[in-house]
Full PDB file with SEQRES, HELIX, SHEET, SSBOND, CRYST1, ORIGX, SCALE, CONECT and MASTER records, all heavy atoms in Angstrom:
SEQRES   1 A   32  GLN GLU ARG LEU ASP ASP PRO THR LYS HIS TRP LYS PHE          
SEQRES   2 A   32  ALA ALA GLY ASP LEU GLU VAL ARG LYS GLN TRP ASP ALA          
SEQRES   3 A   32  TYR GLN GLN ALA TYR SER                                      
HELIX    1 AA1 GLU A    2  ASP A    5  1                                   4    
HELIX    2 AA2 PRO A    7  LYS A   12  5                                   6    
HELIX    3 AA3 GLY A   16  ARG A   21  1                                   6    
HELIX    4 AA4 TRP A   24  TYR A   31  1                                   8    
CRYST1    1.000    1.000    1.000  90.00  90.00  90.00 P 1           1          
ORIGX1      1.000000  0.000000  0.000000        0.00000                         
ORIGX2      0.000000  1.000000  0.000000        0.00000                         
ORIGX3      0.000000  0.000000  1.000000        0.00000                         
SCALE1      1.000000  0.000000  0.000000        0.00000                         
SCALE2      0.000000  1.000000  0.000000        0.00000                         
SCALE3      0.000000  0.000000  1.000000        0.00000                         
ATOM      1  N   GLN A   1      -5.535  -5.819   1.345  1.00  0.00           N  
ATOM      2  CA  GLN A   1      -5.795  -7.137   1.927  1.00  0.00           C  
ATOM      3  C   GLN A   1      -6.189  -8.142   0.862  1.00  0.00           C  
ATOM      4  O   GLN A   1      -5.802  -9.317   0.925  1.00  0.00           O  
ATOM      5  CB  GLN A   1      -6.892  -7.037   2.988  1.00  0.00           C  
ATOM      6  CG  GLN A   1      -7.032  -8.301   3.842  1.00  0.00           C  
ATOM      7  CD  GLN A   1      -5.773  -8.594   4.646  1.00  0.00           C  
ATOM      8  OE1 GLN A   1      -5.281  -7.729   5.363  1.00  0.00           O  
ATOM      9  NE2 GLN A   1      -5.243  -9.800   4.508  1.00  0.00           N  
ATOM     10  N   GLU A   2      -6.951  -7.694  -0.133  1.00  0.00           N  
ATOM     11  CA  GLU A   2      -7.321  -8.580  -1.237  1.00  0.00           C  
ATOM     12  C   GLU A   2      -6.093  -9.089  -1.967  1.00  0.00           C  
ATOM     13  O   GLU A   2      -6.034 -10.253  -2.384  1.00  0.00           O  
ATOM     14  CB  GLU A   2      -8.240  -7.838  -2.212  1.00  0.00           C  
ATOM     15  CG  GLU A   2      -9.656  -7.615  -1.690  1.00  0.00           C  
ATOM     16  CD  GLU A   2     -10.494  -6.794  -2.651  1.00  0.00           C  
ATOM     17  OE1 GLU A   2      -9.918  -6.234  -3.619  1.00  0.00           O  
ATOM     18  OE2 GLU A   2     -11.719  -6.697  -2.436  1.00  0.00           O  
ATOM     19  N   ARG A   3      -5.100  -8.232  -2.122  1.00  0.00           N  
ATOM     20  CA  ARG A   3      -3.861  -8.657  -2.780  1.00  0.00           C  
ATOM     21  C   ARG A   3      -3.122  -9.686  -1.938  1.00  0.00           C  
ATOM     22  O   ARG A   3      -2.520 -10.623  -2.472  1.00  0.00           O  
ATOM     23  CB  ARG A   3      -2.963  -7.445  -3.031  1.00  0.00           C  
ATOM     24  CG  ARG A   3      -3.502  -6.494  -4.079  1.00  0.00           C  
ATOM     25  CD  ARG A   3      -2.565  -5.311  -4.315  1.00  0.00           C  
ATOM     26  NE  ARG A   3      -3.086  -4.416  -5.339  1.00  0.00           N  
ATOM     27  CZ  ARG A   3      -2.468  -3.325  -5.771  1.00  0.00           C  
ATOM     28  NH1 ARG A   3      -1.277  -3.003  -5.262  1.00  0.00           N  
ATOM     29  NH2 ARG A   3      -3.014  -2.569  -6.702  1.00  0.00           N  
ATOM     30  N   LEU A   4      -3.172  -9.525  -0.639  1.00  0.00           N  
ATOM     31  CA  LEU A   4      -2.490 -10.465   0.252  1.00  0.00           C  
ATOM     32  C   LEU A   4      -3.219 -11.804   0.321  1.00  0.00           C  
ATOM     33  O   LEU A   4      -2.596 -12.864   0.447  1.00  0.00           O  
ATOM     34  CB  LEU A   4      -2.366  -9.861   1.652  1.00  0.00           C  
ATOM     35  CG  LEU A   4      -1.382  -8.695   1.787  1.00  0.00           C  
ATOM     36  CD1 LEU A   4      -1.579  -7.989   3.123  1.00  0.00           C  
ATOM     37  CD2 LEU A   4       0.055  -9.164   1.644  1.00  0.00           C  
ATOM     38  N   ASP A   5      -4.549 -11.753   0.217  1.00  0.00           N  
ATOM     39  CA  ASP A   5      -5.347 -12.980   0.344  1.00  0.00           C  
ATOM     40  C   ASP A   5      -5.382 -13.807  -0.930  1.00  0.00           C  
ATOM     41  O   ASP A   5      -5.734 -14.990  -0.888  1.00  0.00           O  
ATOM     42  CB  ASP A   5      -6.789 -12.619   0.746  1.00  0.00           C  
ATOM     43  CG  ASP A   5      -6.872 -12.028   2.147  1.00  0.00           C  
ATOM     44  OD1 ASP A   5      -5.900 -12.197   2.912  1.00  0.00           O  
ATOM     45  OD2 ASP A   5      -7.898 -11.384   2.466  1.00  0.00           O  
ATOM     46  N   ASP A   6      -5.034 -13.217  -2.053  1.00  0.00           N  
ATOM     47  CA  ASP A   6      -5.091 -13.903  -3.341  1.00  0.00           C  
ATOM     48  C   ASP A   6      -3.675 -14.121  -3.868  1.00  0.00           C  
ATOM     49  O   ASP A   6      -3.005 -13.170  -4.271  1.00  0.00           O  
ATOM     50  CB  ASP A   6      -5.894 -13.063  -4.335  1.00  0.00           C  
ATOM     51  CG  ASP A   6      -6.089 -13.764  -5.676  1.00  0.00           C  
ATOM     52  OD1 ASP A   6      -5.441 -14.808  -5.912  1.00  0.00           O  
ATOM     53  OD2 ASP A   6      -6.883 -13.252  -6.496  1.00  0.00           O  
ATOM     54  N   PRO A   7      -3.184 -15.373  -3.880  1.00  0.00           N  
ATOM     55  CA  PRO A   7      -1.815 -15.637  -4.352  1.00  0.00           C  
ATOM     56  C   PRO A   7      -1.544 -15.131  -5.762  1.00  0.00           C  
ATOM     57  O   PRO A   7      -0.407 -14.784  -6.090  1.00  0.00           O  
ATOM     58  CB  PRO A   7      -1.712 -17.165  -4.287  1.00  0.00           C  
ATOM     59  CG  PRO A   7      -2.709 -17.564  -3.244  1.00  0.00           C  
ATOM     60  CD  PRO A   7      -3.847 -16.589  -3.402  1.00  0.00           C  
ATOM     61  N   THR A   8      -2.594 -15.065  -6.604  1.00  0.00           N  
ATOM     62  CA  THR A   8      -2.379 -14.596  -7.971  1.00  0.00           C  
ATOM     63  C   THR A   8      -2.169 -13.082  -8.028  1.00  0.00           C  
ATOM     64  O   THR A   8      -1.811 -12.552  -9.074  1.00  0.00           O  
ATOM     65  CB  THR A   8      -3.577 -14.962  -8.869  1.00  0.00           C  
ATOM     66  OG1 THR A   8      -4.745 -14.243  -8.450  1.00  0.00           O  
ATOM     67  CG2 THR A   8      -3.855 -16.459  -8.819  1.00  0.00           C  
ATOM     68  N   LYS A   9      -2.374 -12.397  -6.895  1.00  0.00           N  
ATOM     69  CA  LYS A   9      -2.174 -10.950  -6.847  1.00  0.00           C  
ATOM     70  C   LYS A   9      -0.963 -10.557  -5.997  1.00  0.00           C  
ATOM     71  O   LYS A   9      -0.714  -9.372  -5.788  1.00  0.00           O  
ATOM     72  CB  LYS A   9      -3.429 -10.252  -6.316  1.00  0.00           C  
ATOM     73  CG  LYS A   9      -4.634 -10.389  -7.230  1.00  0.00           C  
ATOM     74  CD  LYS A   9      -5.835  -9.609  -6.683  1.00  0.00           C  
ATOM     75  CE  LYS A   9      -7.027  -9.711  -7.631  1.00  0.00           C  
ATOM     76  NZ  LYS A   9      -8.207  -8.960  -7.125  1.00  0.00           N  
ATOM     77  N   HIS A  10      -0.227 -11.566  -5.512  1.00  0.00           N  
ATOM     78  CA  HIS A  10       0.936 -11.247  -4.673  1.00  0.00           C  
ATOM     79  C   HIS A  10       1.979 -10.429  -5.426  1.00  0.00           C  
ATOM     80  O   HIS A  10       2.708  -9.641  -4.821  1.00  0.00           O  
ATOM     81  CB  HIS A  10       1.562 -12.542  -4.150  1.00  0.00           C  
ATOM     82  CG  HIS A  10       0.783 -13.164  -3.035  1.00  0.00           C  
ATOM     83  ND1 HIS A  10       1.157 -14.343  -2.418  1.00  0.00           N  
ATOM     84  CD2 HIS A  10      -0.368 -12.765  -2.409  1.00  0.00           C  
ATOM     85  CE1 HIS A  10       0.278 -14.646  -1.475  1.00  0.00           C  
ATOM     86  NE2 HIS A  10      -0.655 -13.705  -1.456  1.00  0.00           N  
ATOM     87  N   TRP A  11       2.038 -10.603  -6.737  1.00  0.00           N  
ATOM     88  CA  TRP A  11       3.036  -9.868  -7.526  1.00  0.00           C  
ATOM     89  C   TRP A  11       2.765  -8.369  -7.508  1.00  0.00           C  
ATOM     90  O   TRP A  11       3.671  -7.561  -7.739  1.00  0.00           O  
ATOM     91  CB  TRP A  11       3.035 -10.372  -8.975  1.00  0.00           C  
ATOM     92  CG  TRP A  11       1.753 -10.108  -9.713  1.00  0.00           C  
ATOM     93  CD1 TRP A  11       0.642 -10.888  -9.744  1.00  0.00           C  
ATOM     94  CD2 TRP A  11       1.448  -8.968 -10.527  1.00  0.00           C  
ATOM     95  NE1 TRP A  11      -0.340 -10.317 -10.515  1.00  0.00           N  
ATOM     96  CE2 TRP A  11       0.137  -9.137 -11.018  1.00  0.00           C  
ATOM     97  CE3 TRP A  11       2.158  -7.833 -10.909  1.00  0.00           C  
ATOM     98  CZ2 TRP A  11      -0.484  -8.215 -11.854  1.00  0.00           C  
ATOM     99  CZ3 TRP A  11       1.546  -6.904 -11.739  1.00  0.00           C  
ATOM    100  CH2 TRP A  11       0.243  -7.101 -12.205  1.00  0.00           C  
ATOM    101  N   LYS A  12       1.516  -7.993  -7.189  1.00  0.00           N  
ATOM    102  CA  LYS A  12       1.175  -6.573  -7.118  1.00  0.00           C  
ATOM    103  C   LYS A  12       1.588  -5.932  -5.796  1.00  0.00           C  
ATOM    104  O   LYS A  12       1.558  -4.706  -5.661  1.00  0.00           O  
ATOM    105  CB  LYS A  12      -0.340  -6.379  -7.287  1.00  0.00           C  
ATOM    106  CG  LYS A  12      -0.879  -6.716  -8.656  1.00  0.00           C  
ATOM    107  CD  LYS A  12      -2.367  -6.372  -8.723  1.00  0.00           C  
ATOM    108  CE  LYS A  12      -2.942  -6.598 -10.106  1.00  0.00           C  
ATOM    109  NZ  LYS A  12      -4.378  -6.194 -10.165  1.00  0.00           N  
ATOM    110  N   PHE A  13       1.927  -6.774  -4.820  1.00  0.00           N  
ATOM    111  CA  PHE A  13       2.177  -6.261  -3.472  1.00  0.00           C  
ATOM    112  C   PHE A  13       3.673  -6.136  -3.209  1.00  0.00           C  
ATOM    113  O   PHE A  13       4.455  -7.017  -3.553  1.00  0.00           O  
ATOM    114  CB  PHE A  13       1.555  -7.196  -2.430  1.00  0.00           C  
ATOM    115  CG  PHE A  13       1.695  -6.711  -1.017  1.00  0.00           C  
ATOM    116  CD1 PHE A  13       0.825  -5.784  -0.495  1.00  0.00           C  
ATOM    117  CD2 PHE A  13       2.734  -7.162  -0.213  1.00  0.00           C  
ATOM    118  CE1 PHE A  13       0.953  -5.320   0.803  1.00  0.00           C  
ATOM    119  CE2 PHE A  13       2.882  -6.718   1.087  1.00  0.00           C  
ATOM    120  CZ  PHE A  13       1.989  -5.787   1.595  1.00  0.00           C  
ATOM    121  N   ALA A  14       4.052  -5.033  -2.589  1.00  0.00           N  
ATOM    122  CA  ALA A  14       5.437  -4.827  -2.158  1.00  0.00           C  
ATOM    123  C   ALA A  14       5.430  -4.471  -0.685  1.00  0.00           C  
ATOM    124  O   ALA A  14       4.517  -3.795  -0.195  1.00  0.00           O  
ATOM    125  CB  ALA A  14       6.090  -3.704  -2.963  1.00  0.00           C  
ATOM    126  N   ALA A  15       6.445  -4.935   0.028  1.00  0.00           N  
ATOM    127  CA  ALA A  15       6.503  -4.681   1.467  1.00  0.00           C  
ATOM    128  C   ALA A  15       6.455  -3.187   1.766  1.00  0.00           C  
ATOM    129  O   ALA A  15       5.885  -2.752   2.774  1.00  0.00           O  
ATOM    130  CB  ALA A  15       7.761  -5.302   2.050  1.00  0.00           C  
ATOM    131  N   GLY A  16       7.021  -2.403   0.873  1.00  0.00           N  
ATOM    132  CA  GLY A  16       7.032  -0.960   1.072  1.00  0.00           C  
ATOM    133  C   GLY A  16       5.646  -0.332   1.041  1.00  0.00           C  
ATOM    134  O   GLY A  16       5.461   0.796   1.530  1.00  0.00           O  
ATOM    135  N   ASP A  17       4.646  -1.052   0.481  1.00  0.00           N  
ATOM    136  CA  ASP A  17       3.291  -0.515   0.425  1.00  0.00           C  
ATOM    137  C   ASP A  17       2.753  -0.222   1.824  1.00  0.00           C  
ATOM    138  O   ASP A  17       2.047   0.768   2.038  1.00  0.00           O  
ATOM    139  CB  ASP A  17       2.355  -1.498  -0.284  1.00  0.00           C  
ATOM    140  CG  ASP A  17       2.682  -1.664  -1.759  1.00  0.00           C  
ATOM    141  OD1 ASP A  17       3.438  -0.833  -2.308  1.00  0.00           O  
ATOM    142  OD2 ASP A  17       2.182  -2.638  -2.364  1.00  0.00           O  
ATOM    143  N   LEU A  18       3.077  -1.087   2.777  1.00  0.00           N  
ATOM    144  CA  LEU A  18       2.589  -0.895   4.142  1.00  0.00           C  
ATOM    145  C   LEU A  18       3.303   0.264   4.826  1.00  0.00           C  
ATOM    146  O   LEU A  18       2.703   0.977   5.642  1.00  0.00           O  
ATOM    147  CB  LEU A  18       2.768  -2.187   4.951  1.00  0.00           C  
ATOM    148  CG  LEU A  18       1.974  -3.397   4.435  1.00  0.00           C  
ATOM    149  CD1 LEU A  18       2.206  -4.599   5.342  1.00  0.00           C  
ATOM    150  CD2 LEU A  18       0.487  -3.075   4.359  1.00  0.00           C  
ATOM    151  N   GLU A  19       4.575   0.452   4.493  1.00  0.00           N  
ATOM    152  CA  GLU A  19       5.303   1.593   5.071  1.00  0.00           C  
ATOM    153  C   GLU A  19       4.759   2.913   4.543  1.00  0.00           C  
ATOM    154  O   GLU A  19       4.583   3.879   5.291  1.00  0.00           O  
ATOM    155  CB  GLU A  19       6.798   1.467   4.753  1.00  0.00           C  
ATOM    156  CG  GLU A  19       7.485   0.302   5.460  1.00  0.00           C  
ATOM    157  CD  GLU A  19       7.324   0.391   6.977  1.00  0.00           C  
ATOM    158  OE1 GLU A  19       7.564   1.477   7.540  1.00  0.00           O  
ATOM    159  OE2 GLU A  19       6.946  -0.629   7.586  1.00  0.00           O  
ATOM    160  N   VAL A  20       4.458   2.940   3.248  1.00  0.00           N  
ATOM    161  CA  VAL A  20       3.889   4.152   2.662  1.00  0.00           C  
ATOM    162  C   VAL A  20       2.501   4.411   3.248  1.00  0.00           C  
ATOM    163  O   VAL A  20       2.124   5.571   3.481  1.00  0.00           O  
ATOM    164  CB  VAL A  20       3.820   4.029   1.127  1.00  0.00           C  
ATOM    165  CG1 VAL A  20       3.056   5.201   0.517  1.00  0.00           C  
ATOM    166  CG2 VAL A  20       5.225   3.965   0.541  1.00  0.00           C  
ATOM    167  N   ARG A  21       1.765   3.361   3.532  1.00  0.00           N  
ATOM    168  CA  ARG A  21       0.423   3.525   4.109  1.00  0.00           C  
ATOM    169  C   ARG A  21       0.485   4.238   5.461  1.00  0.00           C  
ATOM    170  O   ARG A  21      -0.429   4.986   5.818  1.00  0.00           O  
ATOM    171  CB  ARG A  21      -0.258   2.162   4.247  1.00  0.00           C  
ATOM    172  CG  ARG A  21      -1.651   2.227   4.853  1.00  0.00           C  
ATOM    173  CD  ARG A  21      -2.360   0.887   4.729  1.00  0.00           C  
ATOM    174  NE  ARG A  21      -3.518   0.810   5.618  1.00  0.00           N  
ATOM    175  CZ  ARG A  21      -4.698   1.365   5.366  1.00  0.00           C  
ATOM    176  NH1 ARG A  21      -4.886   2.051   4.261  1.00  0.00           N  
ATOM    177  NH2 ARG A  21      -5.689   1.236   6.232  1.00  0.00           N  
ATOM    178  N   LYS A  22       1.567   4.012   6.189  1.00  0.00           N  
ATOM    179  CA  LYS A  22       1.736   4.690   7.479  1.00  0.00           C  
ATOM    180  C   LYS A  22       1.869   6.204   7.301  1.00  0.00           C  
ATOM    181  O   LYS A  22       1.676   6.963   8.247  1.00  0.00           O  
ATOM    182  CB  LYS A  22       2.964   4.141   8.205  1.00  0.00           C  
ATOM    183  CG  LYS A  22       2.830   2.680   8.626  1.00  0.00           C  
ATOM    184  CD  LYS A  22       4.119   2.186   9.258  1.00  0.00           C  
ATOM    185  CE  LYS A  22       4.026   0.705   9.637  1.00  0.00           C  
ATOM    186  NZ  LYS A  22       5.312   0.207  10.215  1.00  0.00           N  
ATOM    187  N   GLN A  23       2.209   6.638   6.086  1.00  0.00           N  
ATOM    188  CA  GLN A  23       2.361   8.068   5.796  1.00  0.00           C  
ATOM    189  C   GLN A  23       1.107   8.646   5.134  1.00  0.00           C  
ATOM    190  O   GLN A  23       1.165   9.665   4.467  1.00  0.00           O  
ATOM    191  CB  GLN A  23       3.571   8.278   4.870  1.00  0.00           C  
ATOM    192  CG  GLN A  23       4.905   7.811   5.452  1.00  0.00           C  
ATOM    193  CD  GLN A  23       6.019   7.851   4.421  1.00  0.00           C  
ATOM    194  OE1 GLN A  23       5.962   7.177   3.393  1.00  0.00           O  
ATOM    195  NE2 GLN A  23       7.040   8.650   4.691  1.00  0.00           N  
ATOM    196  N   TRP A  24      -0.011   7.994   5.337  1.00  0.00           N  
ATOM    197  CA  TRP A  24      -1.260   8.366   4.667  1.00  0.00           C  
ATOM    198  C   TRP A  24      -1.558   9.852   4.796  1.00  0.00           C  
ATOM    199  O   TRP A  24      -1.799  10.548   3.812  1.00  0.00           O  
ATOM    200  CB  TRP A  24      -2.424   7.544   5.216  1.00  0.00           C  
ATOM    201  CG  TRP A  24      -3.734   7.905   4.606  1.00  0.00           C  
ATOM    202  CD1 TRP A  24      -4.627   8.858   5.026  1.00  0.00           C  
ATOM    203  CD2 TRP A  24      -4.311   7.319   3.420  1.00  0.00           C  
ATOM    204  NE1 TRP A  24      -5.720   8.904   4.197  1.00  0.00           N  
ATOM    205  CE2 TRP A  24      -5.558   7.979   3.207  1.00  0.00           C  
ATOM    206  CE3 TRP A  24      -3.915   6.311   2.545  1.00  0.00           C  
ATOM    207  CZ2 TRP A  24      -6.393   7.641   2.143  1.00  0.00           C  
ATOM    208  CZ3 TRP A  24      -4.751   5.986   1.479  1.00  0.00           C  
ATOM    209  CH2 TRP A  24      -5.962   6.649   1.287  1.00  0.00           C  
ATOM    210  N   ASP A  25      -1.564  10.357   6.011  1.00  0.00           N  
ATOM    211  CA  ASP A  25      -1.922  11.765   6.233  1.00  0.00           C  
ATOM    212  C   ASP A  25      -0.936  12.709   5.545  1.00  0.00           C  
ATOM    213  O   ASP A  25      -1.340  13.737   4.977  1.00  0.00           O  
ATOM    214  CB  ASP A  25      -1.982  12.075   7.729  1.00  0.00           C  
ATOM    215  CG  ASP A  25      -3.162  11.381   8.414  1.00  0.00           C  
ATOM    216  OD1 ASP A  25      -4.104  10.968   7.708  1.00  0.00           O  
ATOM    217  OD2 ASP A  25      -3.133  11.253   9.654  1.00  0.00           O  
ATOM    218  N   ALA A  26       0.344  12.354   5.600  1.00  0.00           N  
ATOM    219  CA  ALA A  26       1.356  13.201   4.957  1.00  0.00           C  
ATOM    220  C   ALA A  26       1.153  13.235   3.448  1.00  0.00           C  
ATOM    221  O   ALA A  26       1.307  14.296   2.811  1.00  0.00           O  
ATOM    222  CB  ALA A  26       2.754  12.694   5.295  1.00  0.00           C  
ATOM    223  N   TYR A  27       0.786  12.104   2.870  1.00  0.00           N  
ATOM    224  CA  TYR A  27       0.545  12.082   1.427  1.00  0.00           C  
ATOM    225  C   TYR A  27      -0.737  12.817   1.055  1.00  0.00           C  
ATOM    226  O   TYR A  27      -0.793  13.487   0.009  1.00  0.00           O  
ATOM    227  CB  TYR A  27       0.517  10.649   0.897  1.00  0.00           C  
ATOM    228  CG  TYR A  27       1.883  10.156   0.487  1.00  0.00           C  
ATOM    229  CD1 TYR A  27       2.610   9.281   1.284  1.00  0.00           C  
ATOM    230  CD2 TYR A  27       2.470  10.599  -0.697  1.00  0.00           C  
ATOM    231  CE1 TYR A  27       3.879   8.848   0.913  1.00  0.00           C  
ATOM    232  CE2 TYR A  27       3.732  10.169  -1.086  1.00  0.00           C  
ATOM    233  CZ  TYR A  27       4.426   9.301  -0.276  1.00  0.00           C  
ATOM    234  OH  TYR A  27       5.687   8.896  -0.650  1.00  0.00           O  
ATOM    235  N   GLN A  28      -1.763  12.721   1.887  1.00  0.00           N  
ATOM    236  CA  GLN A  28      -2.986  13.475   1.600  1.00  0.00           C  
ATOM    237  C   GLN A  28      -2.691  14.976   1.577  1.00  0.00           C  
ATOM    238  O   GLN A  28      -3.203  15.711   0.723  1.00  0.00           O  
ATOM    239  CB  GLN A  28      -4.059  13.156   2.637  1.00  0.00           C  
ATOM    240  CG  GLN A  28      -4.549  11.722   2.613  1.00  0.00           C  
ATOM    241  CD  GLN A  28      -5.171  11.311   1.287  1.00  0.00           C  
ATOM    242  OE1 GLN A  28      -6.219  11.827   0.891  1.00  0.00           O  
ATOM    243  NE2 GLN A  28      -4.544  10.387   0.581  1.00  0.00           N  
ATOM    244  N   GLN A  29      -1.834  15.420   2.503  1.00  0.00           N  
ATOM    245  CA  GLN A  29      -1.452  16.827   2.515  1.00  0.00           C  
ATOM    246  C   GLN A  29      -0.604  17.174   1.298  1.00  0.00           C  
ATOM    247  O   GLN A  29      -0.764  18.226   0.679  1.00  0.00           O  
ATOM    248  CB  GLN A  29      -0.676  17.151   3.794  1.00  0.00           C  
ATOM    249  CG  GLN A  29      -0.296  18.624   3.931  1.00  0.00           C  
ATOM    250  CD  GLN A  29      -1.497  19.534   3.951  1.00  0.00           C  
ATOM    251  OE1 GLN A  29      -2.381  19.368   4.791  1.00  0.00           O  
ATOM    252  NE2 GLN A  29      -1.556  20.503   3.038  1.00  0.00           N  
ATOM    253  N   ALA A  30       0.297  16.263   0.926  1.00  0.00           N  
ATOM    254  CA  ALA A  30       1.159  16.504  -0.229  1.00  0.00           C  
ATOM    255  C   ALA A  30       0.342  16.571  -1.520  1.00  0.00           C  
ATOM    256  O   ALA A  30       0.598  17.420  -2.391  1.00  0.00           O  
ATOM    257  CB  ALA A  30       2.222  15.414  -0.329  1.00  0.00           C  
ATOM    258  N   TYR A  31      -0.652  15.687  -1.651  1.00  0.00           N  
ATOM    259  CA  TYR A  31      -1.530  15.742  -2.825  1.00  0.00           C  
ATOM    260  C   TYR A  31      -2.296  17.058  -2.848  1.00  0.00           C  
ATOM    261  O   TYR A  31      -2.459  17.674  -3.909  1.00  0.00           O  
ATOM    262  CB  TYR A  31      -2.510  14.566  -2.811  1.00  0.00           C  
ATOM    263  CG  TYR A  31      -1.916  13.238  -3.195  1.00  0.00           C  
ATOM    264  CD1 TYR A  31      -2.081  12.119  -2.375  1.00  0.00           C  
ATOM    265  CD2 TYR A  31      -1.216  13.075  -4.382  1.00  0.00           C  
ATOM    266  CE1 TYR A  31      -1.545  10.885  -2.722  1.00  0.00           C  
ATOM    267  CE2 TYR A  31      -0.678  11.844  -4.736  1.00  0.00           C  
ATOM    268  CZ  TYR A  31      -0.852  10.752  -3.898  1.00  0.00           C  
ATOM    269  OH  TYR A  31      -0.315   9.541  -4.241  1.00  0.00           O  
ATOM    270  N   SER A  32      -2.790  17.474  -1.691  1.00  0.00           N  
ATOM    271  CA  SER A  32      -3.526  18.741  -1.616  1.00  0.00           C  
ATOM    272  C   SER A  32      -2.650  19.899  -2.075  1.00  0.00           C  
ATOM    273  O   SER A  32      -3.082  20.767  -2.840  1.00  0.00           O  
ATOM    274  CB  SER A  32      -4.019  18.980  -0.190  1.00  0.00           C  
ATOM    275  OG  SER A  32      -4.958  17.999   0.213  1.00  0.00           O  
TER     276      SER A  32                                                      
MASTER        0    0    0    4    0    0    0    6  275    1    0    3          
END                                                                             
């Protein structure tokens, strides 16, 4: 959210970041 709220940080944000966030649990298992 900080990246979205700060125009100088928009370059760090990609639309795919939110899609990957939806896979949070799957990634936690994959990291484990």
